[in-house]
Amino acid sequence: LDDVEYLDEALMECFEVEQGMQANAGVRDSRLRQQFILKPSLTARGAGIYVFDTRERLQELLENEFASDDEDEDEDEDDEGDGGDGDGGRLAHGQAVSQIREWVIQRYINRPLLLPAHQNRKFHIRVYVLAFGDLSIYVYRHMLALFAPRPYASAADLDDQSAHLTNTCLQTHSSTFVESSAVSLFWSLDLPKPKLDRIFDQICQILSETFAAVSSESTSFQTWANCMEQFGFDFLVDEECNAMLLEANAYPDFKQTGEELKFVVEGFMEASVAMAAKEFLLKDCMTEDVEKSADYACRDLVEVFTHKNKRQW
């Protein structure tokens, strides 16, 4: 999107969003309105994310973003004129914020699963995934639940980001931040074991289907027999306990796990290294004791997809 003036043209390619906003006319109950979430495609850590349900709000949000980008551009020019490094409006990879003209729009889940034991705060599930060789996909069983700082009363107040956004990186600088309240272990959530199992099975099924789809597109997703890659996938669960994929992160922010639960990341790293040692480094000289040790380190990696025989979850 080069300018807000071209919003009509952009929405022609997002007809479901346009139809959803039109369908909201006359619908007063926020739970019944079709809502959407707007994310810049090139930023991270919860930056520039908004919720909208009308054309007017979407246009206002984009106008504010464009105006903010123009200010960043002016500041960059001033910095360069003063002999500065000129990166005041730049991202980590050197791209100027003012150059970002691409957003992702997703359907917003406005009836999420809420747990009284966690003050009815919205949460998402972080799943660490190991893509191995050409190609096997493993889910690390010890998943995380990351909570928003404020209770989720309804979807009516679209500006209350502290109730809508669950990114812990948005909370850590607050004086009221409590790590144990923001991040929990998935398997310790106050839900019956059958519901936890059902959510986990759904996540495994979605990840299996996701990698089955992308692995068939060799132009956009290429695998190497002697490589591995770690991903962080985020899922949201609705009030009916249906898991839904939010996003995939090729460079997951392991810091969001926090200090108290860093053993989850440590266990994932240990399992990844053990898998590499077993399959790459020691494959031809594996002793029984070493194999048992490697298998034990990998015990929490659950295979959900294998490209070789197309086996899926």
C-alpha atoms as a PDB file:
ATOM      1  CA  LEU A   1       0.000   0.000   0.000  1.00  0.00           C
ATOM      2  CA  ASP A   2       1.774   3.148  -1.227  1.00  0.00           C
ATOM      3  CA  ASP A   3      -0.794   5.567   0.130  1.00  0.00           C
ATOM      4  CA  VAL A   4      -4.094   5.497   2.019  1.00  0.00           C
ATOM      5  CA  GLU A   5      -5.721   6.843  -1.162  1.00  0.00           C
ATOM      6  CA  TYR A   6      -5.229   3.384  -2.687  1.00  0.00           C
ATOM      7  CA  LEU A   7      -7.007   1.554   0.146  1.00  0.00           C
ATOM      8  CA  ASP A   8     -10.023   0.766  -2.062  1.00  0.00           C
ATOM      9  CA  GLU A   9      -7.769  -0.916  -4.589  1.00  0.00           C
ATOM     10  CA  ALA A  10      -5.940  -2.889  -1.886  1.00  0.00           C
ATOM     11  CA  LEU A  11      -9.204  -4.104  -0.342  1.00  0.00           C
ATOM     12  CA  MET A  12     -10.315  -5.478  -3.716  1.00  0.00           C
ATOM     13  CA  GLU A  13      -7.728  -8.213  -3.146  1.00  0.00           C
ATOM     14  CA  CYS A  14      -8.983  -8.696   0.433  1.00  0.00           C
ATOM     15  CA  PHE A  15     -12.656  -9.069  -0.393  1.00  0.00           C
ATOM     16  CA  GLU A  16     -13.334 -11.160   2.730  1.00  0.00           C
ATOM     17  CA  VAL A  17     -12.174  -8.269   4.911  1.00  0.00           C
ATOM     18  CA  GLU A  18     -14.350  -5.810   3.004  1.00  0.00           C
ATOM     19  CA  GLN A  19     -17.355  -8.123   3.226  1.00  0.00           C
ATOM     20  CA  GLY A  20     -16.765  -8.659   6.939  1.00  0.00           C
ATOM     21  CA  MET A  21     -16.682  -4.935   7.677  1.00  0.00           C
ATOM     22  CA  GLN A  22     -19.837  -4.390   5.635  1.00  0.00           C
ATOM     23  CA  ALA A  23     -21.596  -7.234   7.481  1.00  0.00           C
ATOM     24  CA  ASN A  24     -20.915  -5.439  10.790  1.00  0.00           C
ATOM     25  CA  ALA A  25     -23.325  -2.648   9.900  1.00  0.00           C
ATOM     26  CA  GLY A  26     -26.143  -2.728  12.455  1.00  0.00           C
ATOM     27  CA  VAL A  27     -24.501  -5.441  14.612  1.00  0.00           C
ATOM     28  CA  ARG A  28     -24.147  -3.969  18.103  1.00  0.00           C
ATOM     29  CA  ASP A  29     -22.926  -7.040  20.015  1.00  0.00           C
ATOM     30  CA  SER A  30     -19.096  -6.985  19.752  1.00  0.00           C
ATOM     31  CA  ARG A  31     -18.982 -10.771  20.130  1.00  0.00           C
ATOM     32  CA  LEU A  32     -20.980 -11.132  16.925  1.00  0.00           C
ATOM     33  CA  ARG A  33     -19.036  -8.588  14.887  1.00  0.00           C
ATOM     34  CA  GLN A  34     -16.386  -9.728  12.448  1.00  0.00           C
ATOM     35  CA  GLN A  35     -13.116  -8.264  13.649  1.00  0.00           C
ATOM     36  CA  PHE A  36      -9.642  -8.245  12.159  1.00  0.00           C
ATOM     37  CA  ILE A  37      -6.087  -7.700  13.350  1.00  0.00           C
ATOM     38  CA  LEU A  38      -3.600  -5.587  11.401  1.00  0.00           C
ATOM     39  CA  LYS A  39       0.142  -6.396  11.622  1.00  0.00           C
ATOM     40  CA  PRO A  40       3.114  -4.831   9.809  1.00  0.00           C
ATOM     41  CA  SER A  41       4.778  -7.633   7.860  1.00  0.00           C
ATOM     42  CA  LEU A  42       8.370  -6.597   8.638  1.00  0.00           C
ATOM     43  CA  THR A  43       8.296  -5.793  12.332  1.00  0.00           C
ATOM     44  CA  ALA A  44       8.330  -7.965  15.449  1.00  0.00           C
ATOM     45  CA  ARG A  45       7.811  -7.895  19.216  1.00  0.00           C
ATOM     46  CA  GLY A  46       4.214  -6.663  18.940  1.00  0.00           C
ATOM     47  CA  ALA A  47       5.037  -3.376  17.198  1.00  0.00           C
ATOM     48  CA  GLY A  48       2.298  -1.649  15.202  1.00  0.00           C
ATOM     49  CA  ILE A  49      -0.485  -4.200  15.825  1.00  0.00           C
ATOM     50  CA  TYR A  50      -4.112  -3.025  15.883  1.00  0.00           C
ATOM     51  CA  VAL A  51      -7.629  -4.471  15.942  1.00  0.00           C
ATOM     52  CA  PHE A  52     -10.396  -3.057  13.741  1.00  0.00           C
ATOM     53  CA  ASP A  53     -13.924  -3.892  12.605  1.00  0.00           C
ATOM     54  CA  THR A  54     -14.937  -0.930  10.415  1.00  0.00           C
ATOM     55  CA  ARG A  55     -13.592   0.663   7.267  1.00  0.00           C
ATOM     56  CA  GLU A  56     -13.368   4.008   9.065  1.00  0.00           C
ATOM     57  CA  ARG A  57     -11.156   2.620  11.836  1.00  0.00           C
ATOM     58  CA  LEU A  58      -8.893   0.808   9.356  1.00  0.00           C
ATOM     59  CA  GLN A  59      -8.404   3.996   7.356  1.00  0.00           C
ATOM     60  CA  GLU A  60      -7.714   6.007  10.520  1.00  0.00           C
ATOM     61  CA  LEU A  61      -5.105   3.484  11.687  1.00  0.00           C
ATOM     62  CA  LEU A  62      -3.338   3.519   8.325  1.00  0.00           C
ATOM     63  CA  GLU A  63      -3.415   7.321   8.135  1.00  0.00           C
ATOM     64  CA  ASN A  64      -1.773   7.491  11.561  1.00  0.00           C
ATOM     65  CA  GLU A  65       0.859   4.964  10.512  1.00  0.00           C
ATOM     66  CA  PHE A  66       1.680   6.906   7.336  1.00  0.00           C
ATOM     67  CA  ALA A  67       1.848  10.169   9.285  1.00  0.00           C
ATOM     68  CA  SER A  68       4.168   8.560  11.835  1.00  0.00           C
ATOM     69  CA  ASP A  69       6.363   7.197   9.044  1.00  0.00           C
ATOM     70  CA  ASP A  70       6.667  10.682   7.512  1.00  0.00           C
ATOM     71  CA  GLU A  71       7.822  12.030  10.887  1.00  0.00           C
ATOM     72  CA  ASP A  72      10.416   9.242  11.154  1.00  0.00           C
ATOM     73  CA  GLU A  73      11.650  10.096   7.670  1.00  0.00           C
ATOM     74  CA  ASP A  74      12.019  13.769   8.580  1.00  0.00           C
ATOM     75  CA  GLU A  75      13.936  12.835  11.741  1.00  0.00           C
ATOM     76  CA  ASP A  76      16.267  10.636   9.697  1.00  0.00           C
ATOM     77  CA  GLU A  77      17.000  13.517   7.346  1.00  0.00           C
ATOM     78  CA  ASP A  78      17.719  15.789  10.321  1.00  0.00           C
ATOM     79  CA  ASP A  79      20.050  13.181  11.825  1.00  0.00           C
ATOM     80  CA  GLU A  80      21.940  12.869   8.554  1.00  0.00           C
ATOM     81  CA  GLY A  81      22.225  16.628   8.308  1.00  0.00           C
ATOM     82  CA  ASP A  82      23.659  16.759  11.830  1.00  0.00           C
ATOM     83  CA  GLY A  83      26.230  14.084  11.029  1.00  0.00           C
ATOM     84  CA  GLY A  84      24.348  11.357  12.899  1.00  0.00           C
ATOM     85  CA  ASP A  85      24.045   7.777  11.778  1.00  0.00           C
ATOM     86  CA  GLY A  86      20.489   8.351  10.568  1.00  0.00           C
ATOM     87  CA  ASP A  87      18.993   5.137  11.919  1.00  0.00           C
ATOM     88  CA  GLY A  88      16.438   6.614  14.316  1.00  0.00           C
ATOM     89  CA  GLY A  89      13.595   5.287  12.186  1.00  0.00           C
ATOM     90  CA  ARG A  90      15.159   2.002  11.230  1.00  0.00           C
ATOM     91  CA  LEU A  91      14.536  -1.590  12.092  1.00  0.00           C
ATOM     92  CA  ALA A  92      17.094  -4.109  13.247  1.00  0.00           C
ATOM     93  CA  HIS A  93      17.816  -5.205   9.679  1.00  0.00           C
ATOM     94  CA  GLY A  94      18.442  -1.656   8.456  1.00  0.00           C
ATOM     95  CA  GLN A  95      15.098  -1.075   6.765  1.00  0.00           C
ATOM     96  CA  ALA A  96      13.609   2.367   7.382  1.00  0.00           C
ATOM     97  CA  VAL A  97      10.256   2.298   9.113  1.00  0.00           C
ATOM     98  CA  SER A  98       9.036   4.843   6.560  1.00  0.00           C
ATOM     99  CA  GLN A  99       9.585   2.237   3.815  1.00  0.00           C
ATOM    100  CA  ILE A 100       7.171  -0.288   5.335  1.00  0.00           C
ATOM    101  CA  ARG A 101       4.062  -0.333   3.197  1.00  0.00           C
ATOM    102  CA  GLU A 102       2.947  -3.891   3.706  1.00  0.00           C
ATOM    103  CA  TRP A 103       0.628  -5.286   6.359  1.00  0.00           C
ATOM    104  CA  VAL A 104      -0.906  -8.639   7.144  1.00  0.00           C
ATOM    105  CA  ILE A 105      -4.610  -8.804   8.011  1.00  0.00           C
ATOM    106  CA  GLN A 106      -5.948 -11.792   9.918  1.00  0.00           C
ATOM    107  CA  ARG A 107      -9.365 -12.601  11.256  1.00  0.00           C
ATOM    108  CA  TYR A 108      -9.398 -11.663  14.945  1.00  0.00           C
ATOM    109  CA  ILE A 109     -10.595 -14.335  17.399  1.00  0.00           C
ATOM    110  CA  ASN A 110     -12.817 -12.219  19.649  1.00  0.00           C
ATOM    111  CA  ARG A 111     -14.074 -15.138  21.735  1.00  0.00           C
ATOM    112  CA  PRO A 112     -10.839 -16.639  23.066  1.00  0.00           C
ATOM    113  CA  LEU A 113     -10.536 -19.283  25.737  1.00  0.00           C
ATOM    114  CA  LEU A 114     -10.351 -17.520  29.117  1.00  0.00           C
ATOM    115  CA  LEU A 115      -9.261 -19.154  32.361  1.00  0.00           C
ATOM    116  CA  PRO A 116     -10.561 -17.861  35.721  1.00  0.00           C
ATOM    117  CA  ALA A 117      -7.365 -19.073  37.402  1.00  0.00           C
ATOM    118  CA  HIS A 118      -5.519 -16.521  35.246  1.00  0.00           C
ATOM    119  CA  GLN A 119      -7.992 -13.661  35.789  1.00  0.00           C
ATOM    120  CA  ASN A 120      -9.695 -14.303  32.414  1.00  0.00           C
ATOM    121  CA  ARG A 121      -6.736 -12.892  30.548  1.00  0.00           C
ATOM    122  CA  LYS A 122      -6.274 -13.710  26.898  1.00  0.00           C
ATOM    123  CA  PHE A 123      -3.297 -15.955  26.074  1.00  0.00           C
ATOM    124  CA  HIS A 124      -1.552 -17.591  23.169  1.00  0.00           C
ATOM    125  CA  ILE A 125       0.479 -20.803  23.058  1.00  0.00           C
ATOM    126  CA  ARG A 126       4.125 -20.749  21.969  1.00  0.00           C
ATOM    127  CA  VAL A 127       5.257 -24.013  20.382  1.00  0.00           C
ATOM    128  CA  TYR A 128       8.903 -24.721  19.605  1.00  0.00           C
ATOM    129  CA  VAL A 129       9.370 -26.767  16.455  1.00  0.00           C
ATOM    130  CA  LEU A 130      12.438 -28.501  15.010  1.00  0.00           C
ATOM    131  CA  ALA A 131      12.627 -28.962  11.237  1.00  0.00           C
ATOM    132  CA  PHE A 132      15.210 -31.628  10.590  1.00  0.00           C
ATOM    133  CA  GLY A 133      16.930 -32.821   7.433  1.00  0.00           C
ATOM    134  CA  ASP A 134      14.872 -33.423   4.315  1.00  0.00           C
ATOM    135  CA  LEU A 135      12.323 -33.308   6.046  1.00  0.00           C
ATOM    136  CA  SER A 136      11.109 -34.394   9.479  1.00  0.00           C
ATOM    137  CA  ILE A 137       9.149 -32.090  11.790  1.00  0.00           C
ATOM    138  CA  TYR A 138       9.211 -32.406  15.570  1.00  0.00           C
ATOM    139  CA  VAL A 139       7.096 -30.550  18.122  1.00  0.00           C
ATOM    140  CA  TYR A 140       8.699 -29.924  21.496  1.00  0.00           C
ATOM    141  CA  ARG A 141       6.104 -31.128  23.959  1.00  0.00           C
ATOM    142  CA  HIS A 142       6.783 -28.496  26.652  1.00  0.00           C
ATOM    143  CA  MET A 143       4.766 -25.592  25.302  1.00  0.00           C
ATOM    144  CA  LEU A 144       4.200 -22.169  26.870  1.00  0.00           C
ATOM    145  CA  ALA A 145       1.122 -20.045  27.560  1.00  0.00           C
ATOM    146  CA  LEU A 146       1.801 -16.289  27.296  1.00  0.00           C
ATOM    147  CA  PHE A 147      -0.801 -14.006  28.864  1.00  0.00           C
ATOM    148  CA  ALA A 148      -1.938 -10.440  28.258  1.00  0.00           C
ATOM    149  CA  PRO A 149      -1.464  -8.143  31.283  1.00  0.00           C
ATOM    150  CA  ARG A 150      -5.144  -7.179  31.674  1.00  0.00           C
ATOM    151  CA  PRO A 151      -8.361  -9.243  31.778  1.00  0.00           C
ATOM    152  CA  TYR A 152     -10.236  -9.647  28.517  1.00  0.00           C
ATOM    153  CA  ALA A 153     -13.692  -8.212  29.246  1.00  0.00           C
ATOM    154  CA  SER A 154     -14.975  -8.036  25.666  1.00  0.00           C
ATOM    155  CA  ALA A 155     -13.971  -7.198  22.134  1.00  0.00           C
ATOM    156  CA  ALA A 156     -15.747  -3.839  22.334  1.00  0.00           C
ATOM    157  CA  ASP A 157     -12.733  -1.730  23.411  1.00  0.00           C
ATOM    158  CA  LEU A 158     -10.455  -2.181  20.421  1.00  0.00           C
ATOM    159  CA  ASP A 159      -7.907   0.333  21.761  1.00  0.00           C
ATOM    160  CA  ASP A 160      -7.118  -1.583  24.958  1.00  0.00           C
ATOM    161  CA  GLN A 161      -4.031  -3.355  23.660  1.00  0.00           C
ATOM    162  CA  SER A 162      -3.104  -4.569  27.143  1.00  0.00           C
ATOM    163  CA  ALA A 163      -6.171  -6.833  26.988  1.00  0.00           C
ATOM    164  CA  HIS A 164      -5.809  -7.834  23.336  1.00  0.00           C
ATOM    165  CA  LEU A 165      -2.056  -8.388  22.837  1.00  0.00           C
ATOM    166  CA  THR A 166      -0.282 -11.266  24.556  1.00  0.00           C
ATOM    167  CA  ASN A 167       3.332 -10.473  23.600  1.00  0.00           C
ATOM    168  CA  THR A 168       5.341 -10.513  26.824  1.00  0.00           C
ATOM    169  CA  CYS A 169       7.953  -8.215  25.282  1.00  0.00           C
ATOM    170  CA  LEU A 170       5.335  -5.433  25.522  1.00  0.00           C
ATOM    171  CA  GLN A 171       5.068  -5.983  29.282  1.00  0.00           C
ATOM    172  CA  THR A 172       8.620  -6.427  30.562  1.00  0.00           C
ATOM    173  CA  HIS A 173       9.317  -2.682  30.935  1.00  0.00           C
ATOM    174  CA  SER A 174       6.234  -2.130  33.105  1.00  0.00           C
ATOM    175  CA  SER A 175       6.751  -1.645  36.842  1.00  0.00           C
ATOM    176  CA  THR A 176       3.853  -4.048  37.465  1.00  0.00           C
ATOM    177  CA  PHE A 177       5.294  -6.873  35.330  1.00  0.00           C
ATOM    178  CA  VAL A 178       5.377 -10.251  37.089  1.00  0.00           C
ATOM    179  CA  GLU A 179       7.013 -12.961  35.017  1.00  0.00           C
ATOM    180  CA  SER A 180       5.223 -15.879  36.687  1.00  0.00           C
ATOM    181  CA  SER A 181       1.894 -14.238  35.861  1.00  0.00           C
ATOM    182  CA  ALA A 182       2.804 -13.557  32.225  1.00  0.00           C
ATOM    183  CA  VAL A 183       4.236 -16.956  31.234  1.00  0.00           C
ATOM    184  CA  SER A 184       3.076 -20.415  32.309  1.00  0.00           C
ATOM    185  CA  LEU A 185       3.591 -23.984  31.229  1.00  0.00           C
ATOM    186  CA  PHE A 186       0.859 -25.192  28.887  1.00  0.00           C
ATOM    187  CA  TRP A 187       0.451 -28.535  30.661  1.00  0.00           C
ATOM    188  CA  SER A 188      -0.101 -26.798  34.011  1.00  0.00           C
ATOM    189  CA  LEU A 189      -3.062 -24.713  32.800  1.00  0.00           C
ATOM    190  CA  ASP A 190      -6.291 -25.073  34.755  1.00  0.00           C
ATOM    191  CA  LEU A 191      -7.973 -27.304  32.192  1.00  0.00           C
ATOM    192  CA  PRO A 192      -9.003 -30.970  32.316  1.00  0.00           C
ATOM    193  CA  LYS A 193      -6.356 -33.312  30.892  1.00  0.00           C
ATOM    194  CA  PRO A 194      -8.610 -34.401  27.965  1.00  0.00           C
ATOM    195  CA  LYS A 195      -8.936 -30.757  26.836  1.00  0.00           C
ATOM    196  CA  LEU A 196      -5.183 -30.200  27.057  1.00  0.00           C
ATOM    197  CA  ASP A 197      -4.639 -33.376  25.033  1.00  0.00           C
ATOM    198  CA  ARG A 198      -7.188 -32.245  22.459  1.00  0.00           C
ATOM    199  CA  ILE A 199      -5.496 -28.861  22.028  1.00  0.00           C
ATOM    200  CA  PHE A 200      -2.086 -30.522  21.702  1.00  0.00           C
ATOM    201  CA  ASP A 201      -3.407 -32.967  19.081  1.00  0.00           C
ATOM    202  CA  GLN A 202      -4.912 -30.101  17.089  1.00  0.00           C
ATOM    203  CA  ILE A 203      -1.618 -28.193  17.178  1.00  0.00           C
ATOM    204  CA  CYS A 204       0.275 -31.261  15.952  1.00  0.00           C
ATOM    205  CA  GLN A 205      -2.268 -31.785  13.173  1.00  0.00           C
ATOM    206  CA  ILE A 206      -2.080 -28.150  12.028  1.00  0.00           C
ATOM    207  CA  LEU A 207       1.725 -28.196  12.018  1.00  0.00           C
ATOM    208  CA  SER A 208       1.728 -31.463  10.088  1.00  0.00           C
ATOM    209  CA  GLU A 209      -0.572 -29.996   7.436  1.00  0.00           C
ATOM    210  CA  THR A 210       1.393 -26.739   7.348  1.00  0.00           C
ATOM    211  CA  PHE A 211       4.731 -28.391   6.630  1.00  0.00           C
ATOM    212  CA  ALA A 212       3.140 -30.845   4.212  1.00  0.00           C
ATOM    213  CA  ALA A 213       1.886 -27.829   2.248  1.00  0.00           C
ATOM    214  CA  VAL A 214       5.077 -25.738   2.276  1.00  0.00           C
ATOM    215  CA  SER A 215       7.389 -28.701   1.590  1.00  0.00           C
ATOM    216  CA  SER A 216       5.645 -29.206  -1.737  1.00  0.00           C
ATOM    217  CA  GLU A 217       6.616 -25.651  -2.788  1.00  0.00           C
ATOM    218  CA  SER A 218      10.326 -26.036  -3.519  1.00  0.00           C
ATOM    219  CA  THR A 219      10.640 -22.487  -4.844  1.00  0.00           C
ATOM    220  CA  SER A 220       9.692 -20.923  -1.509  1.00  0.00           C
ATOM    221  CA  PHE A 221      10.695 -23.601   1.023  1.00  0.00           C
ATOM    222  CA  GLN A 222      13.889 -25.552   0.448  1.00  0.00           C
ATOM    223  CA  THR A 223      15.284 -28.251   2.707  1.00  0.00           C
ATOM    224  CA  TRP A 224      18.790 -29.649   3.060  1.00  0.00           C
ATOM    225  CA  ALA A 225      19.525 -33.195   4.166  1.00  0.00           C
ATOM    226  CA  ASN A 226      22.302 -32.157   6.578  1.00  0.00           C
ATOM    227  CA  CYS A 227      20.651 -29.096   8.163  1.00  0.00           C
ATOM    228  CA  MET A 228      18.107 -28.306  10.829  1.00  0.00           C
ATOM    229  CA  GLU A 229      16.138 -25.198  11.788  1.00  0.00           C
ATOM    230  CA  GLN A 230      14.232 -24.109  14.887  1.00  0.00           C
ATOM    231  CA  PHE A 231      10.886 -22.320  14.670  1.00  0.00           C
ATOM    232  CA  GLY A 232       8.496 -20.711  17.118  1.00  0.00           C
ATOM    233  CA  PHE A 233       4.820 -21.180  16.208  1.00  0.00           C
ATOM    234  CA  ASP A 234       2.052 -19.274  17.976  1.00  0.00           C
ATOM    235  CA  PHE A 235      -1.491 -20.585  18.422  1.00  0.00           C
ATOM    236  CA  LEU A 236      -4.667 -19.129  19.894  1.00  0.00           C
ATOM    237  CA  VAL A 237      -7.465 -21.226  21.396  1.00  0.00           C
ATOM    238  CA  ASP A 238     -11.100 -20.130  21.177  1.00  0.00           C
ATOM    239  CA  GLU A 239     -13.793 -20.652  23.791  1.00  0.00           C
ATOM    240  CA  GLU A 240     -14.697 -24.020  22.209  1.00  0.00           C
ATOM    241  CA  CYS A 241     -11.088 -25.220  22.660  1.00  0.00           C
ATOM    242  CA  ASN A 242     -10.294 -25.036  18.951  1.00  0.00           C
ATOM    243  CA  ALA A 243      -6.610 -24.287  18.297  1.00  0.00           C
ATOM    244  CA  MET A 244      -5.854 -21.823  15.503  1.00  0.00           C
ATOM    245  CA  LEU A 245      -2.515 -20.918  13.956  1.00  0.00           C
ATOM    246  CA  LEU A 246      -1.509 -17.283  14.492  1.00  0.00           C
ATOM    247  CA  GLU A 247       1.972 -17.094  12.979  1.00  0.00           C
ATOM    248  CA  ALA A 248       5.276 -18.819  12.367  1.00  0.00           C
ATOM    249  CA  ASN A 249       8.549 -17.276  13.520  1.00  0.00           C
ATOM    250  CA  ALA A 250      11.744 -18.327  11.769  1.00  0.00           C
ATOM    251  CA  TYR A 251      13.795 -16.474  14.392  1.00  0.00           C
ATOM    252  CA  PRO A 252      11.864 -17.104  17.642  1.00  0.00           C
ATOM    253  CA  ASP A 253      12.460 -14.776  20.568  1.00  0.00           C
ATOM    254  CA  PHE A 254      13.509 -17.305  23.210  1.00  0.00           C
ATOM    255  CA  LYS A 255      13.800 -14.472  25.732  1.00  0.00           C
ATOM    256  CA  GLN A 256       9.980 -14.353  25.982  1.00  0.00           C
ATOM    257  CA  THR A 257      10.185 -17.608  27.964  1.00  0.00           C
ATOM    258  CA  GLY A 258      11.702 -15.673  30.866  1.00  0.00           C
ATOM    259  CA  GLU A 259      14.156 -16.730  33.554  1.00  0.00           C
ATOM    260  CA  GLU A 260      11.848 -18.924  35.609  1.00  0.00           C
ATOM    261  CA  LEU A 261      10.939 -21.227  32.712  1.00  0.00           C
ATOM    262  CA  LYS A 262      14.194 -21.038  30.776  1.00  0.00           C
ATOM    263  CA  PHE A 263      14.578 -24.778  31.324  1.00  0.00           C
ATOM    264  CA  VAL A 264      12.014 -25.166  28.512  1.00  0.00           C
ATOM    265  CA  VAL A 265      14.365 -23.470  26.049  1.00  0.00           C
ATOM    266  CA  GLU A 266      17.357 -25.332  27.479  1.00  0.00           C
ATOM    267  CA  GLY A 267      15.527 -28.639  27.037  1.00  0.00           C
ATOM    268  CA  PHE A 268      14.606 -27.761  23.444  1.00  0.00           C
ATOM    269  CA  MET A 269      18.223 -26.851  22.675  1.00  0.00           C
ATOM    270  CA  GLU A 270      19.506 -30.062  24.276  1.00  0.00           C
ATOM    271  CA  ALA A 271      17.016 -32.145  22.298  1.00  0.00           C
ATOM    272  CA  SER A 272      17.955 -30.372  19.038  1.00  0.00           C
ATOM    273  CA  VAL A 273      21.683 -30.953  19.611  1.00  0.00           C
ATOM    274  CA  ALA A 274      21.083 -34.588  20.555  1.00  0.00           C
ATOM    275  CA  MET A 275      19.075 -35.128  17.375  1.00  0.00           C
ATOM    276  CA  ALA A 276      21.882 -33.596  15.302  1.00  0.00           C
ATOM    277  CA  ALA A 277      24.496 -35.733  17.055  1.00  0.00           C
ATOM    278  CA  LYS A 278      22.465 -38.884  16.537  1.00  0.00           C
ATOM    279  CA  GLU A 279      21.620 -38.284  12.878  1.00  0.00           C
ATOM    280  CA  PHE A 280      24.619 -36.299  11.611  1.00  0.00           C
ATOM    281  CA  LEU A 281      27.734 -36.600  13.752  1.00  0.00           C
ATOM    282  CA  LEU A 282      27.615 -40.052  15.333  1.00  0.00           C
ATOM    283  CA  LYS A 283      25.448 -41.964  12.903  1.00  0.00           C
ATOM    284  CA  ASP A 284      28.246 -44.260  11.755  1.00  0.00           C
ATOM    285  CA  CYS A 285      29.909 -44.741  15.155  1.00  0.00           C
ATOM    286  CA  MET A 286      26.957 -44.882  17.524  1.00  0.00           C
ATOM    287  CA  THR A 287      27.391 -47.017  20.622  1.00  0.00           C
ATOM    288  CA  GLU A 288      24.461 -48.414  22.568  1.00  0.00           C
ATOM    289  CA  ASP A 289      25.098 -46.122  25.537  1.00  0.00           C
ATOM    290  CA  VAL A 290      25.391 -43.003  23.374  1.00  0.00           C
ATOM    291  CA  GLU A 291      22.225 -43.910  21.484  1.00  0.00           C
ATOM    292  CA  LYS A 292      20.305 -44.350  24.739  1.00  0.00           C
ATOM    293  CA  SER A 293      21.590 -40.999  25.990  1.00  0.00           C
ATOM    294  CA  ALA A 294      20.585 -39.250  22.744  1.00  0.00           C
ATOM    295  CA  ASP A 295      17.163 -40.903  22.713  1.00  0.00           C
ATOM    296  CA  TYR A 296      16.579 -39.780  26.289  1.00  0.00           C
ATOM    297  CA  ALA A 297      17.484 -36.161  25.419  1.00  0.00           C
ATOM    298  CA  CYS A 298      15.039 -36.322  22.475  1.00  0.00           C
ATOM    299  CA  ARG A 299      12.219 -37.901  24.478  1.00  0.00           C
ATOM    300  CA  ASP A 300      10.058 -34.760  24.366  1.00  0.00           C
ATOM    301  CA  LEU A 301      10.352 -34.243  20.614  1.00  0.00           C
ATOM    302  CA  VAL A 302       7.133 -35.488  18.996  1.00  0.00           C
ATOM    303  CA  GLU A 303       7.378 -36.271  15.287  1.00  0.00           C
ATOM    304  CA  VAL A 304       4.376 -34.863  13.413  1.00  0.00           C
ATOM    305  CA  PHE A 305       5.504 -35.030   9.787  1.00  0.00           C
ATOM    306  CA  THR A 306       8.027 -36.932   7.663  1.00  0.00           C
ATOM    307  CA  HIS A 307       8.457 -35.921   4.032  1.00  0.00           C
ATOM    308  CA  LYS A 308      10.178 -39.139   2.987  1.00  0.00           C
ATOM    309  CA  ASN A 309       7.115 -41.323   3.398  1.00  0.00           C
ATOM    310  CA  LYS A 310       4.551 -38.491   3.609  1.00  0.00           C
ATOM    311  CA  ARG A 311       3.629 -39.681   7.090  1.00  0.00           C
ATOM    312  CA  GLN A 312       1.482 -37.104   8.816  1.00  0.00           C
ATOM    313  CA  TRP A 313       0.059 -36.726  12.301  1.00  0.00           C
END
